[in-house]
Amino acid sequence: LEDIFEDIKLRKIVFNKCLELDYNLYGFSPQINLDFINSLTSFQFVEVLINGVWKADKIFNMPIPNLMFTRDIGVIFGNSLLISNACHSARKREQIIVSHLFKTHPKFNNLNIIDFKSISDDLSIEGGDIMVFNENIVLIGISERTTKKSIEKI
């Protein structure tokens, strides 16, 4: 994340999408001048995205500690990476962040990126429900977060 957010233009795109999401989900808008993001190091910017605060100022409605559950954000099938679409609104900001990570970081350039949200925004699928058993078998569990309709879309 630090690598991609050296790019101030990308930083602004992701930040604005996250602000818009927070407003749409919670009606929350920070009450400070947001130009400070341009002066942050990329590490500090990532901290703001994850923690939701800068110094004593609340930037986002809540933090995103679930980002540590990295299996939920996506799964790799051979040479393809499926970016999941979270079921719960609390996970939506991390979806914005990781989709930009996967689509822009050079480490992922040789993968076919499949963003499930672009296939079906009204359905959810989470990587934690998917297990690559071997090169020929992928198991996908039906759960609260991954429905049968989502599996059929895949």
N, C-alpha and C. Protein backbone atom coordinates (compact mmCIF):
# COMPACT_ATOMS: atom_id res chain seq x y z
N LEU A 1 0.82 -1.20 0.00
CA LEU A 1 0.00 0.00 0.00
C LEU A 1 0.86 1.26 0.00
N GLU A 2 1.94 1.22 0.77
CA GLU A 2 2.82 2.38 0.78
C GLU A 2 3.36 2.68 -0.61
N ASP A 3 3.71 1.65 -1.35
CA ASP A 3 4.24 1.83 -2.71
C ASP A 3 3.25 2.57 -3.61
N ILE A 4 2.01 2.11 -3.66
CA ILE A 4 1.06 2.72 -4.60
C ILE A 4 0.63 4.11 -4.16
N PHE A 5 0.66 4.39 -2.86
CA PHE A 5 0.21 5.70 -2.40
C PHE A 5 1.32 6.76 -2.38
N GLU A 6 2.45 6.44 -2.97
CA GLU A 6 3.43 7.48 -3.29
C GLU A 6 2.85 8.37 -4.39
N ASP A 7 1.96 7.80 -5.18
CA ASP A 7 1.28 8.51 -6.27
C ASP A 7 0.15 9.35 -5.68
N ILE A 8 0.35 10.66 -5.64
CA ILE A 8 -0.64 11.58 -5.04
C ILE A 8 -1.97 11.53 -5.78
N LYS A 9 -1.93 11.38 -7.09
CA LYS A 9 -3.17 11.32 -7.87
C LYS A 9 -4.00 10.09 -7.46
N LEU A 10 -3.37 8.92 -7.34
CA LEU A 10 -4.07 7.71 -6.91
C LEU A 10 -4.55 7.87 -5.47
N ARG A 11 -3.73 8.48 -4.65
CA ARG A 11 -4.10 8.72 -3.25
C ARG A 11 -5.42 9.50 -3.19
N LYS A 12 -5.53 10.56 -3.99
CA LYS A 12 -6.74 11.39 -3.99
C LYS A 12 -7.95 10.60 -4.49
N ILE A 13 -7.76 9.78 -5.52
CA ILE A 13 -8.86 8.97 -6.06
C ILE A 13 -9.41 8.04 -4.98
N VAL A 14 -8.52 7.30 -4.34
CA VAL A 14 -8.93 6.33 -3.32
C VAL A 14 -9.54 7.05 -2.12
N PHE A 15 -8.91 8.12 -1.69
CA PHE A 15 -9.41 8.87 -0.54
C PHE A 15 -10.82 9.39 -0.80
N ASN A 16 -11.04 9.96 -1.97
CA ASN A 16 -12.37 10.48 -2.31
C ASN A 16 -13.41 9.37 -2.41
N LYS A 17 -13.05 8.22 -2.95
CA LYS A 17 -13.98 7.09 -2.99
C LYS A 17 -14.33 6.63 -1.58
N CYS A 18 -13.35 6.61 -0.70
CA CYS A 18 -13.59 6.20 0.69
C CYS A 18 -14.47 7.21 1.42
N LEU A 19 -14.23 8.50 1.18
CA LEU A 19 -15.08 9.54 1.78
C LEU A 19 -16.51 9.42 1.29
N GLU A 20 -16.67 9.20 -0.01
CA GLU A 20 -18.01 9.06 -0.60
C GLU A 20 -18.72 7.84 -0.01
N LEU A 21 -18.01 6.74 0.12
CA LEU A 21 -18.58 5.53 0.72
C LEU A 21 -19.05 5.81 2.14
N ASP A 22 -18.21 6.45 2.94
CA ASP A 22 -18.58 6.75 4.33
C ASP A 22 -19.83 7.62 4.39
N TYR A 23 -19.91 8.58 3.49
CA TYR A 23 -21.09 9.44 3.47
C TYR A 23 -22.34 8.64 3.07
N ASN A 24 -22.21 7.81 2.03
CA ASN A 24 -23.36 7.02 1.56
C ASN A 24 -23.81 5.99 2.58
N LEU A 25 -22.88 5.38 3.29
CA LEU A 25 -23.24 4.34 4.26
C LEU A 25 -23.71 4.92 5.59
N TYR A 26 -23.02 5.96 6.06
CA TYR A 26 -23.25 6.42 7.43
C TYR A 26 -23.68 7.89 7.52
N GLY A 27 -23.70 8.60 6.40
CA GLY A 27 -23.99 10.02 6.44
C GLY A 27 -22.88 10.81 7.11
N PHE A 28 -21.68 10.22 7.14
CA PHE A 28 -20.56 10.84 7.86
C PHE A 28 -19.65 11.61 6.91
N SER A 29 -19.33 12.84 7.29
CA SER A 29 -18.35 13.67 6.59
C SER A 29 -17.42 14.29 7.62
N PRO A 30 -16.11 14.21 7.40
CA PRO A 30 -15.19 14.83 8.36
C PRO A 30 -15.38 16.35 8.38
N GLN A 31 -15.13 16.94 9.53
CA GLN A 31 -15.37 18.37 9.71
C GLN A 31 -14.07 19.17 9.70
N ILE A 32 -13.09 18.73 8.90
CA ILE A 32 -11.81 19.44 8.82
C ILE A 32 -11.42 19.60 7.35
N ASN A 33 -10.45 20.47 7.11
CA ASN A 33 -9.90 20.64 5.77
C ASN A 33 -9.07 19.40 5.44
N LEU A 34 -9.37 18.76 4.33
CA LEU A 34 -8.74 17.47 3.99
C LEU A 34 -7.50 17.61 3.12
N ASP A 35 -7.05 18.82 2.86
CA ASP A 35 -5.85 19.01 2.04
C ASP A 35 -4.59 18.43 2.69
N PHE A 36 -4.66 18.15 3.98
CA PHE A 36 -3.49 17.61 4.68
C PHE A 36 -2.99 16.30 4.08
N ILE A 37 -3.87 15.56 3.38
CA ILE A 37 -3.44 14.25 2.85
C ILE A 37 -2.28 14.37 1.87
N ASN A 38 -2.17 15.52 1.21
CA ASN A 38 -1.08 15.71 0.25
C ASN A 38 0.29 15.79 0.93
N SER A 39 0.32 16.19 2.18
CA SER A 39 1.59 16.33 2.89
C SER A 39 1.98 15.10 3.70
N LEU A 40 1.11 14.11 3.76
CA LEU A 40 1.42 12.89 4.51
C LEU A 40 2.40 12.01 3.75
N THR A 41 3.18 11.25 4.49
CA THR A 41 3.97 10.20 3.85
C THR A 41 2.98 9.11 3.42
N SER A 42 3.39 8.24 2.55
CA SER A 42 2.47 7.17 2.14
C SER A 42 2.12 6.27 3.33
N PHE A 43 3.06 6.06 4.25
CA PHE A 43 2.78 5.27 5.45
C PHE A 43 1.69 5.95 6.29
N GLN A 44 1.82 7.26 6.49
CA GLN A 44 0.82 7.99 7.27
C GLN A 44 -0.55 7.95 6.58
N PHE A 45 -0.54 8.05 5.26
CA PHE A 45 -1.80 7.99 4.51
C PHE A 45 -2.48 6.64 4.71
N VAL A 46 -1.71 5.56 4.64
CA VAL A 46 -2.26 4.22 4.86
C VAL A 46 -2.82 4.12 6.28
N GLU A 47 -2.13 4.70 7.24
CA GLU A 47 -2.64 4.70 8.62
C GLU A 47 -4.00 5.40 8.71
N VAL A 48 -4.16 6.52 8.01
CA VAL A 48 -5.44 7.23 8.02
C VAL A 48 -6.53 6.35 7.40
N LEU A 49 -6.23 5.70 6.27
CA LEU A 49 -7.22 4.84 5.62
C LEU A 49 -7.67 3.71 6.53
N ILE A 50 -6.74 3.12 7.25
CA ILE A 50 -7.06 1.95 8.08
C ILE A 50 -7.65 2.36 9.43
N ASN A 51 -7.03 3.33 10.09
CA ASN A 51 -7.48 3.73 11.43
C ASN A 51 -8.68 4.67 11.41
N GLY A 52 -8.82 5.42 10.33
CA GLY A 52 -9.96 6.33 10.22
C GLY A 52 -9.79 7.66 10.94
N VAL A 53 -8.59 7.90 11.50
CA VAL A 53 -8.32 9.15 12.20
C VAL A 53 -6.97 9.71 11.80
N TRP A 54 -6.84 11.02 11.97
CA TRP A 54 -5.54 11.67 11.83
C TRP A 54 -5.40 12.60 13.02
N LYS A 55 -4.36 12.32 13.82
CA LYS A 55 -4.15 13.03 15.08
C LYS A 55 -5.42 12.87 15.91
N ALA A 56 -6.12 13.94 16.25
CA ALA A 56 -7.34 13.80 17.05
C ALA A 56 -8.60 13.91 16.21
N ASP A 57 -8.43 14.02 14.89
CA ASP A 57 -9.58 14.25 14.01
C ASP A 57 -10.10 12.96 13.39
N LYS A 58 -11.39 12.78 13.48
CA LYS A 58 -12.05 11.63 12.88
C LYS A 58 -12.24 11.90 11.38
N ILE A 59 -11.66 11.03 10.55
CA ILE A 59 -11.73 11.18 9.10
C ILE A 59 -12.79 10.25 8.52
N PHE A 60 -12.86 9.03 9.04
CA PHE A 60 -13.86 8.06 8.61
C PHE A 60 -14.67 7.63 9.83
N ASN A 61 -15.87 7.15 9.58
CA ASN A 61 -16.79 6.79 10.66
C ASN A 61 -16.20 5.76 11.61
N MET A 62 -15.46 4.78 11.06
CA MET A 62 -14.87 3.76 11.91
C MET A 62 -13.61 3.19 11.26
N PRO A 63 -12.76 2.54 12.05
CA PRO A 63 -11.55 1.93 11.49
C PRO A 63 -11.91 0.65 10.71
N ILE A 64 -10.91 0.09 10.02
CA ILE A 64 -11.15 -1.18 9.29
C ILE A 64 -10.16 -2.25 9.75
N PRO A 65 -10.30 -2.71 11.00
CA PRO A 65 -9.37 -3.72 11.51
C PRO A 65 -9.49 -5.07 10.82
N ASN A 66 -10.61 -5.33 10.14
CA ASN A 66 -10.79 -6.62 9.46
C ASN A 66 -9.84 -6.79 8.29
N LEU A 67 -9.15 -5.74 7.89
CA LEU A 67 -8.21 -5.83 6.78
C LEU A 67 -7.15 -6.90 7.04
N MET A 68 -6.94 -7.24 8.31
CA MET A 68 -5.94 -8.26 8.62
C MET A 68 -6.38 -9.66 8.18
N PHE A 69 -7.66 -9.85 7.90
CA PHE A 69 -8.14 -11.14 7.41
C PHE A 69 -7.96 -11.17 5.89
N THR A 70 -6.73 -11.37 5.47
CA THR A 70 -6.37 -11.18 4.07
C THR A 70 -7.00 -12.20 3.13
N ARG A 71 -7.43 -13.34 3.61
CA ARG A 71 -8.09 -14.31 2.73
C ARG A 71 -9.44 -13.80 2.25
N ASP A 72 -10.08 -12.93 3.02
CA ASP A 72 -11.40 -12.44 2.65
C ASP A 72 -11.38 -11.49 1.46
N ILE A 73 -10.27 -10.79 1.24
CA ILE A 73 -10.24 -9.74 0.22
C ILE A 73 -10.06 -10.27 -1.19
N GLY A 74 -9.64 -11.51 -1.33
CA GLY A 74 -9.47 -12.05 -2.68
C GLY A 74 -8.88 -13.45 -2.65
N VAL A 75 -8.76 -14.02 -3.83
CA VAL A 75 -8.20 -15.36 -3.95
C VAL A 75 -7.54 -15.49 -5.32
N ILE A 76 -6.45 -16.25 -5.36
CA ILE A 76 -5.75 -16.48 -6.62
C ILE A 76 -6.08 -17.88 -7.13
N PHE A 77 -6.52 -17.94 -8.39
CA PHE A 77 -6.76 -19.19 -9.10
C PHE A 77 -5.75 -19.23 -10.24
N GLY A 78 -4.73 -20.04 -10.14
CA GLY A 78 -3.74 -20.09 -11.21
C GLY A 78 -3.14 -18.72 -11.45
N ASN A 79 -3.41 -18.15 -12.64
CA ASN A 79 -2.87 -16.84 -13.00
C ASN A 79 -3.93 -15.73 -12.89
N SER A 80 -5.01 -15.98 -12.19
CA SER A 80 -6.07 -14.99 -12.02
C SER A 80 -6.24 -14.66 -10.55
N LEU A 81 -6.56 -13.41 -10.28
CA LEU A 81 -6.83 -12.95 -8.93
C LEU A 81 -8.26 -12.43 -8.90
N LEU A 82 -9.08 -13.05 -8.07
CA LEU A 82 -10.47 -12.62 -7.89
C LEU A 82 -10.53 -11.70 -6.68
N ILE A 83 -10.92 -10.44 -6.92
CA ILE A 83 -11.13 -9.50 -5.82
C ILE A 83 -12.57 -9.69 -5.34
N SER A 84 -12.71 -10.01 -4.07
CA SER A 84 -14.05 -10.29 -3.55
C SER A 84 -14.88 -9.02 -3.43
N ASN A 85 -16.16 -9.20 -3.18
CA ASN A 85 -17.08 -8.10 -2.91
C ASN A 85 -17.72 -8.40 -1.56
N ALA A 86 -17.35 -7.64 -0.56
CA ALA A 86 -17.77 -7.91 0.81
C ALA A 86 -19.27 -7.82 1.00
N CYS A 87 -19.75 -8.64 1.89
CA CYS A 87 -21.18 -8.67 2.22
C CYS A 87 -21.55 -7.50 3.14
N HIS A 88 -20.72 -7.26 4.15
CA HIS A 88 -21.04 -6.27 5.18
C HIS A 88 -20.42 -4.91 4.87
N SER A 89 -21.17 -3.86 5.14
CA SER A 89 -20.71 -2.51 4.83
C SER A 89 -19.42 -2.14 5.54
N ALA A 90 -19.17 -2.72 6.70
CA ALA A 90 -17.94 -2.43 7.44
C ALA A 90 -16.69 -2.84 6.66
N ARG A 91 -16.85 -3.71 5.65
CA ARG A 91 -15.70 -4.17 4.86
C ARG A 91 -15.55 -3.43 3.53
N LYS A 92 -16.46 -2.53 3.20
CA LYS A 92 -16.46 -1.90 1.88
C LYS A 92 -15.27 -0.97 1.64
N ARG A 93 -14.79 -0.25 2.66
CA ARG A 93 -13.63 0.63 2.46
C ARG A 93 -12.40 -0.17 2.12
N GLU A 94 -12.21 -1.30 2.79
CA GLU A 94 -11.04 -2.12 2.46
C GLU A 94 -11.13 -2.65 1.03
N GLN A 95 -12.34 -2.89 0.54
CA GLN A 95 -12.50 -3.34 -0.85
C GLN A 95 -11.99 -2.28 -1.83
N ILE A 96 -12.30 -1.02 -1.54
CA ILE A 96 -11.80 0.08 -2.39
C ILE A 96 -10.28 0.08 -2.37
N ILE A 97 -9.71 -0.02 -1.19
CA ILE A 97 -8.26 0.06 -1.04
C ILE A 97 -7.57 -1.11 -1.74
N VAL A 98 -8.01 -2.33 -1.48
CA VAL A 98 -7.31 -3.48 -2.06
C VAL A 98 -7.54 -3.60 -3.56
N SER A 99 -8.69 -3.17 -4.05
CA SER A 99 -8.88 -3.25 -5.50
C SER A 99 -7.89 -2.34 -6.21
N HIS A 100 -7.62 -1.17 -5.64
CA HIS A 100 -6.61 -0.29 -6.23
C HIS A 100 -5.21 -0.87 -6.07
N LEU A 101 -4.96 -1.51 -4.96
CA LEU A 101 -3.66 -2.17 -4.75
C LEU A 101 -3.44 -3.23 -5.83
N PHE A 102 -4.39 -4.12 -5.98
CA PHE A 102 -4.23 -5.21 -6.94
C PHE A 102 -4.16 -4.72 -8.39
N LYS A 103 -4.89 -3.65 -8.69
CA LYS A 103 -4.94 -3.16 -10.07
C LYS A 103 -3.75 -2.27 -10.44
N THR A 104 -3.04 -1.72 -9.45
CA THR A 104 -1.97 -0.78 -9.77
C THR A 104 -0.57 -1.19 -9.35
N HIS A 105 -0.42 -2.07 -8.38
CA HIS A 105 0.92 -2.43 -7.93
C HIS A 105 1.57 -3.37 -8.94
N PRO A 106 2.83 -3.10 -9.30
CA PRO A 106 3.53 -3.92 -10.30
C PRO A 106 3.62 -5.41 -9.95
N LYS A 107 3.56 -5.76 -8.66
CA LYS A 107 3.63 -7.18 -8.28
C LYS A 107 2.46 -8.00 -8.83
N PHE A 108 1.38 -7.31 -9.20
CA PHE A 108 0.19 -8.01 -9.68
C PHE A 108 -0.01 -7.86 -11.19
N ASN A 109 0.94 -7.22 -11.87
CA ASN A 109 0.80 -6.94 -13.31
C ASN A 109 0.58 -8.17 -14.17
N ASN A 110 1.18 -9.29 -13.80
CA ASN A 110 1.07 -10.48 -14.66
C ASN A 110 -0.14 -11.35 -14.32
N LEU A 111 -1.00 -10.88 -13.44
CA LEU A 111 -2.21 -11.63 -13.10
C LEU A 111 -3.42 -11.07 -13.84
N ASN A 112 -4.34 -11.94 -14.18
CA ASN A 112 -5.63 -11.53 -14.72
C ASN A 112 -6.49 -11.13 -13.52
N ILE A 113 -6.77 -9.84 -13.40
CA ILE A 113 -7.54 -9.33 -12.25
C ILE A 113 -9.03 -9.37 -12.58
N ILE A 114 -9.78 -10.06 -11.73
CA ILE A 114 -11.23 -10.16 -11.88
C ILE A 114 -11.85 -9.51 -10.64
N ASP A 115 -12.53 -8.41 -10.85
CA ASP A 115 -13.17 -7.70 -9.74
C ASP A 115 -14.64 -8.13 -9.68
N PHE A 116 -14.99 -8.93 -8.67
CA PHE A 116 -16.35 -9.47 -8.59
C PHE A 116 -17.39 -8.36 -8.55
N LYS A 117 -17.06 -7.23 -7.95
CA LYS A 117 -17.99 -6.10 -7.88
C LYS A 117 -18.39 -5.65 -9.29
N SER A 118 -17.48 -5.72 -10.25
CA SER A 118 -17.80 -5.32 -11.62
C SER A 118 -18.66 -6.37 -12.33
N ILE A 119 -18.62 -7.60 -11.85
CA ILE A 119 -19.46 -8.66 -12.41
C ILE A 119 -20.87 -8.55 -11.86
N SER A 120 -20.96 -8.32 -10.54
CA SER A 120 -22.27 -8.26 -9.89
C SER A 120 -22.15 -7.49 -8.59
N ASP A 121 -22.46 -6.21 -8.63
CA ASP A 121 -22.35 -5.36 -7.45
C ASP A 121 -23.37 -5.72 -6.38
N ASP A 122 -24.48 -6.36 -6.75
CA ASP A 122 -25.52 -6.66 -5.77
C ASP A 122 -25.28 -7.98 -5.03
N LEU A 123 -24.27 -8.74 -5.45
CA LEU A 123 -23.94 -10.01 -4.78
C LEU A 123 -22.61 -9.88 -4.06
N SER A 124 -22.41 -10.72 -3.06
CA SER A 124 -21.13 -10.73 -2.35
C SER A 124 -20.48 -12.10 -2.46
N ILE A 125 -19.17 -12.06 -2.41
CA ILE A 125 -18.38 -13.29 -2.33
C ILE A 125 -17.11 -12.91 -1.58
N GLU A 126 -16.69 -13.76 -0.65
CA GLU A 126 -15.50 -13.46 0.12
C GLU A 126 -14.51 -14.60 0.01
N GLY A 127 -13.26 -14.21 -0.13
CA GLY A 127 -12.19 -15.17 -0.35
C GLY A 127 -12.06 -16.22 0.73
N GLY A 128 -12.49 -15.90 1.94
CA GLY A 128 -12.42 -16.88 3.03
C GLY A 128 -13.32 -18.08 2.80
N ASP A 129 -14.29 -17.95 1.89
CA ASP A 129 -15.19 -19.05 1.56
C ASP A 129 -14.68 -19.88 0.38
N ILE A 130 -13.51 -19.51 -0.14
CA ILE A 130 -12.96 -20.18 -1.32
C ILE A 130 -11.65 -20.86 -0.95
N MET A 131 -11.51 -22.11 -1.37
CA MET A 131 -10.27 -22.83 -1.12
C MET A 131 -9.81 -23.47 -2.42
N VAL A 132 -8.59 -23.13 -2.82
CA VAL A 132 -8.00 -23.77 -3.98
C VAL A 132 -7.40 -25.08 -3.48
N PHE A 133 -8.07 -26.19 -3.83
CA PHE A 133 -7.69 -27.50 -3.34
C PHE A 133 -6.46 -28.02 -4.07
N ASN A 134 -6.47 -27.91 -5.39
CA ASN A 134 -5.31 -28.23 -6.21
C ASN A 134 -5.48 -27.52 -7.55
N GLU A 135 -4.64 -27.80 -8.52
CA GLU A 135 -4.71 -27.05 -9.79
C GLU A 135 -5.98 -27.33 -10.59
N ASN A 136 -6.72 -28.37 -10.24
CA ASN A 136 -7.94 -28.71 -10.95
C ASN A 136 -9.22 -28.52 -10.14
N ILE A 137 -9.10 -28.33 -8.83
CA ILE A 137 -10.28 -28.29 -7.97
C ILE A 137 -10.27 -27.04 -7.09
N VAL A 138 -11.37 -26.30 -7.15
CA VAL A 138 -11.59 -25.15 -6.28
C VAL A 138 -12.89 -25.40 -5.52
N LEU A 139 -12.84 -25.27 -4.21
CA LEU A 139 -14.02 -25.45 -3.37
C LEU A 139 -14.54 -24.08 -2.95
N ILE A 140 -15.85 -23.85 -3.12
CA ILE A 140 -16.46 -22.59 -2.70
C ILE A 140 -17.63 -22.93 -1.79
N GLY A 141 -17.56 -22.46 -0.58
CA GLY A 141 -18.61 -22.72 0.39
C GLY A 141 -19.73 -21.70 0.33
N ILE A 142 -20.94 -22.18 0.47
CA ILE A 142 -22.09 -21.29 0.55
C ILE A 142 -22.21 -20.84 2.01
N SER A 143 -22.35 -19.53 2.19
CA SER A 143 -22.43 -18.98 3.54
C SER A 143 -23.28 -17.71 3.51
N GLU A 144 -23.33 -17.05 4.64
CA GLU A 144 -24.01 -15.75 4.71
C GLU A 144 -23.36 -14.76 3.75
N ARG A 145 -22.05 -14.88 3.56
CA ARG A 145 -21.30 -13.92 2.75
C ARG A 145 -21.10 -14.34 1.31
N THR A 146 -21.26 -15.62 1.02
CA THR A 146 -21.10 -16.14 -0.34
C THR A 146 -22.32 -17.00 -0.66
N THR A 147 -23.21 -16.46 -1.46
CA THR A 147 -24.46 -17.15 -1.76
C THR A 147 -24.30 -18.07 -2.97
N LYS A 148 -25.29 -18.91 -3.15
CA LYS A 148 -25.31 -19.80 -4.32
C LYS A 148 -25.30 -18.98 -5.61
N LYS A 149 -26.04 -17.87 -5.63
CA LYS A 149 -26.07 -17.00 -6.82
C LYS A 149 -24.68 -16.44 -7.13
N SER A 150 -23.91 -16.11 -6.09
CA SER A 150 -22.55 -15.62 -6.29
C SER A 150 -21.67 -16.69 -6.92
N ILE A 151 -21.82 -17.90 -6.43
CA ILE A 151 -21.03 -19.01 -6.97
C ILE A 151 -21.40 -19.26 -8.43
N GLU A 152 -22.67 -19.17 -8.73
CA GLU A 152 -23.11 -19.35 -10.13
C GLU A 152 -22.52 -18.27 -11.03
N LYS A 153 -22.38 -17.03 -10.52
CA LYS A 153 -21.77 -15.95 -11.31
C LYS A 153 -20.31 -16.27 -11.63
N ILE A 154 -19.62 -16.84 -10.67
CA ILE A 154 -18.22 -17.21 -10.89
C ILE A 154 -18.15 -18.29 -11.94
